[in-house]
N, C-alpha and C. Protein backbone atom coordinates (compact mmCIF):
# COMPACT_ATOMS: atom_id res chain seq x y z
N MET A 1 0.61 67.60 140.80
CA MET A 1 0.38 66.30 140.23
C MET A 1 0.23 66.39 138.71
N ALA A 2 -0.49 67.41 138.25
CA ALA A 2 -0.71 67.56 136.81
C ALA A 2 0.60 67.88 136.10
N SER A 3 1.49 68.64 136.75
CA SER A 3 2.77 68.96 136.12
C SER A 3 3.62 67.71 135.94
N THR A 4 3.53 66.78 136.87
CA THR A 4 4.27 65.52 136.75
C THR A 4 3.75 64.72 135.56
N ASP A 5 2.45 64.69 135.38
CA ASP A 5 1.87 63.99 134.24
C ASP A 5 2.30 64.63 132.92
N ASN A 6 2.32 65.95 132.89
CA ASN A 6 2.76 66.66 131.69
C ASN A 6 4.22 66.38 131.39
N TYR A 7 5.06 66.31 132.42
CA TYR A 7 6.48 66.02 132.25
C TYR A 7 6.66 64.62 131.68
N ILE A 8 5.93 63.65 132.21
CA ILE A 8 6.03 62.27 131.74
C ILE A 8 5.56 62.18 130.28
N LEU A 9 4.48 62.87 129.95
CA LEU A 9 3.96 62.88 128.59
C LEU A 9 4.97 63.52 127.65
N HIS A 10 5.56 64.65 128.06
CA HIS A 10 6.56 65.32 127.24
C HIS A 10 7.79 64.44 127.06
N ASP A 11 8.23 63.77 128.13
CA ASP A 11 9.39 62.90 128.06
C ASP A 11 9.15 61.74 127.09
N GLY A 12 7.95 61.18 127.11
CA GLY A 12 7.61 60.10 126.19
C GLY A 12 7.60 60.56 124.74
N ARG A 13 7.09 61.76 124.52
CA ARG A 13 7.08 62.30 123.16
C ARG A 13 8.49 62.57 122.67
N GLN A 14 9.33 63.11 123.55
CA GLN A 14 10.71 63.40 123.17
C GLN A 14 11.45 62.12 122.83
N ARG A 15 11.21 61.07 123.62
CA ARG A 15 11.88 59.79 123.37
C ARG A 15 11.45 59.22 122.02
N LYS A 16 10.16 59.31 121.71
CA LYS A 16 9.67 58.82 120.43
C LYS A 16 10.24 59.64 119.28
N ALA A 17 10.34 60.94 119.47
CA ALA A 17 10.92 61.80 118.43
C ALA A 17 12.38 61.46 118.20
N ASP A 18 13.12 61.21 119.28
CA ASP A 18 14.52 60.83 119.17
C ASP A 18 14.68 59.49 118.44
N GLU A 19 13.81 58.53 118.77
CA GLU A 19 13.86 57.23 118.10
C GLU A 19 13.53 57.38 116.61
N ALA A 20 12.57 58.21 116.29
CA ALA A 20 12.21 58.43 114.89
C ALA A 20 13.36 59.09 114.13
N GLN A 21 14.03 60.05 114.77
CA GLN A 21 15.17 60.71 114.13
C GLN A 21 16.30 59.73 113.89
N GLU A 22 16.58 58.88 114.86
CA GLU A 22 17.63 57.87 114.72
C GLU A 22 17.28 56.90 113.59
N PHE A 23 16.03 56.48 113.52
CA PHE A 23 15.58 55.58 112.46
C PHE A 23 15.76 56.24 111.10
N LEU A 24 15.40 57.52 110.99
CA LEU A 24 15.54 58.25 109.74
C LEU A 24 17.01 58.34 109.32
N GLU A 25 17.89 58.61 110.27
CA GLU A 25 19.31 58.71 109.95
C GLU A 25 19.88 57.37 109.50
N GLU A 26 19.45 56.27 110.14
CA GLU A 26 19.91 54.94 109.73
C GLU A 26 19.44 54.63 108.32
N ARG A 27 18.20 54.94 108.01
CA ARG A 27 17.66 54.69 106.67
C ARG A 27 18.37 55.55 105.63
N ALA A 28 18.64 56.79 105.96
CA ALA A 28 19.35 57.68 105.04
C ALA A 28 20.75 57.13 104.76
N HIS A 29 21.41 56.62 105.79
CA HIS A 29 22.74 56.04 105.61
C HIS A 29 22.66 54.80 104.70
N LEU A 30 21.65 53.97 104.91
CA LEU A 30 21.48 52.79 104.06
C LEU A 30 21.20 53.19 102.61
N LEU A 31 20.40 54.22 102.40
CA LEU A 31 20.12 54.68 101.04
C LEU A 31 21.39 55.21 100.37
N ASP A 32 22.23 55.91 101.11
CA ASP A 32 23.50 56.39 100.57
C ASP A 32 24.40 55.23 100.18
N THR A 33 24.44 54.20 101.02
CA THR A 33 25.25 53.02 100.73
C THR A 33 24.75 52.33 99.47
N ILE A 34 23.45 52.19 99.34
CA ILE A 34 22.88 51.56 98.15
C ILE A 34 23.18 52.39 96.91
N ARG A 35 23.06 53.72 97.03
CA ARG A 35 23.36 54.59 95.89
C ARG A 35 24.82 54.44 95.45
N GLU A 36 25.73 54.37 96.40
CA GLU A 36 27.14 54.19 96.07
C GLU A 36 27.37 52.85 95.39
N MET A 37 26.72 51.79 95.87
CA MET A 37 26.85 50.47 95.25
C MET A 37 26.34 50.49 93.81
N ILE A 38 25.23 51.16 93.58
CA ILE A 38 24.68 51.25 92.22
C ILE A 38 25.62 52.05 91.33
N ASN A 39 26.16 53.16 91.84
CA ASN A 39 27.09 53.96 91.04
C ASN A 39 28.33 53.17 90.66
N VAL A 40 28.85 52.39 91.60
CA VAL A 40 30.03 51.57 91.31
C VAL A 40 29.71 50.55 90.22
N GLU A 41 28.56 49.91 90.33
CA GLU A 41 28.16 48.92 89.33
C GLU A 41 27.94 49.56 87.97
N MET A 42 27.32 50.72 87.95
CA MET A 42 27.11 51.42 86.67
C MET A 42 28.45 51.83 86.04
N ASP A 43 29.36 52.32 86.86
CA ASP A 43 30.69 52.68 86.35
C ASP A 43 31.41 51.45 85.81
N ARG A 44 31.28 50.34 86.51
CA ARG A 44 31.94 49.11 86.07
C ARG A 44 31.39 48.66 84.73
N ARG A 45 30.12 48.77 84.53
CA ARG A 45 29.51 48.33 83.27
C ARG A 45 29.81 49.29 82.13
N ARG A 46 29.97 50.56 82.41
CA ARG A 46 30.29 51.54 81.37
C ARG A 46 31.74 51.42 80.91
N VAL A 47 32.63 51.00 81.79
CA VAL A 47 34.06 50.96 81.48
C VAL A 47 34.35 50.00 80.34
N GLY A 48 33.73 48.84 80.31
CA GLY A 48 34.05 47.84 79.29
C GLY A 48 33.36 48.04 77.97
N THR A 49 32.63 49.11 77.75
CA THR A 49 31.86 49.28 76.51
C THR A 49 32.58 50.12 75.45
N ASP A 50 33.78 50.58 75.67
CA ASP A 50 34.50 51.41 74.70
C ASP A 50 35.24 50.55 73.69
N ASN A 51 34.63 50.29 72.52
CA ASN A 51 35.24 49.54 71.42
C ASN A 51 35.79 48.18 71.85
N GLY A 52 35.19 47.57 72.80
CA GLY A 52 35.63 46.25 73.24
C GLY A 52 36.88 46.26 74.09
N ASN A 53 37.47 47.42 74.29
CA ASN A 53 38.68 47.50 75.11
C ASN A 53 38.28 47.68 76.57
N CYS A 54 38.91 46.92 77.43
CA CYS A 54 38.66 47.09 78.85
C CYS A 54 39.56 48.21 79.35
N GLN A 55 38.95 49.26 79.82
CA GLN A 55 39.71 50.38 80.35
C GLN A 55 39.25 50.61 81.78
N SER A 56 40.17 50.98 82.60
CA SER A 56 39.79 51.29 83.98
C SER A 56 39.80 52.79 84.18
N ARG A 57 39.03 53.23 85.10
CA ARG A 57 38.99 54.65 85.41
C ARG A 57 40.26 55.03 86.17
N HIS A 58 40.69 56.22 85.93
CA HIS A 58 41.86 56.72 86.65
C HIS A 58 41.42 57.17 88.04
N PRO A 59 42.21 56.85 89.06
CA PRO A 59 41.81 57.24 90.41
C PRO A 59 41.75 58.76 90.61
N SER A 60 42.42 59.51 89.74
CA SER A 60 42.43 60.96 89.91
C SER A 60 41.09 61.59 89.52
N GLU A 61 40.25 60.85 88.78
CA GLU A 61 38.95 61.37 88.41
C GLU A 61 38.04 61.36 89.63
N THR A 62 37.53 62.51 89.99
CA THR A 62 36.62 62.57 91.13
C THR A 62 35.31 63.19 90.69
N LYS A 63 34.26 62.64 91.18
CA LYS A 63 32.94 63.19 90.88
C LYS A 63 32.58 64.21 91.95
N PRO A 64 31.80 65.20 91.59
CA PRO A 64 31.34 66.11 92.64
C PRO A 64 30.46 65.33 93.62
N ARG A 65 30.65 65.59 94.88
CA ARG A 65 29.92 64.84 95.91
C ARG A 65 28.46 65.27 95.92
N LYS A 66 27.58 64.26 95.88
CA LYS A 66 26.15 64.52 95.92
C LYS A 66 25.70 64.66 97.36
N LEU A 67 24.60 65.36 97.53
CA LEU A 67 24.03 65.49 98.87
C LEU A 67 23.48 64.14 99.32
N THR A 68 23.66 63.84 100.58
CA THR A 68 23.04 62.65 101.12
C THR A 68 21.55 62.92 101.25
N PHE A 69 20.78 61.87 101.42
CA PHE A 69 19.34 62.03 101.56
C PHE A 69 19.01 62.92 102.74
N LEU A 70 19.72 62.73 103.84
CA LEU A 70 19.44 63.52 105.04
C LEU A 70 19.82 64.98 104.82
N GLN A 71 20.93 65.25 104.13
CA GLN A 71 21.30 66.63 103.84
C GLN A 71 20.26 67.28 102.93
N TRP A 72 19.78 66.54 101.95
CA TRP A 72 18.77 67.07 101.05
C TRP A 72 17.50 67.39 101.82
N LEU A 73 17.11 66.47 102.70
CA LEU A 73 15.90 66.67 103.49
C LEU A 73 16.03 67.90 104.38
N ARG A 74 17.18 68.06 105.01
CA ARG A 74 17.40 69.23 105.87
C ARG A 74 17.41 70.53 105.07
N SER A 75 17.89 70.47 103.82
CA SER A 75 17.92 71.69 103.00
C SER A 75 16.52 72.17 102.65
N LEU A 76 15.56 71.25 102.66
CA LEU A 76 14.18 71.63 102.38
C LEU A 76 13.57 72.38 103.55
N LEU A 77 14.05 72.10 104.76
CA LEU A 77 13.50 72.74 105.95
C LEU A 77 14.22 74.00 106.17
């Protein structure tokens, strides 16, 4: 009987841990999306400031990819 109670308790903890992990991943994805939106806006505002000439960025220019929040967090562990 006690082993059944322990199994149910462990199952509940595992479910909560899984839900917390899923929540963390969703939030990390949202933070990445917001960061990309801010970077696009910053790039857009920087483009028009060169001597009053509107210049667009060349598509061949690529930035080094930054770590996502979740990747950064995992690197700490």
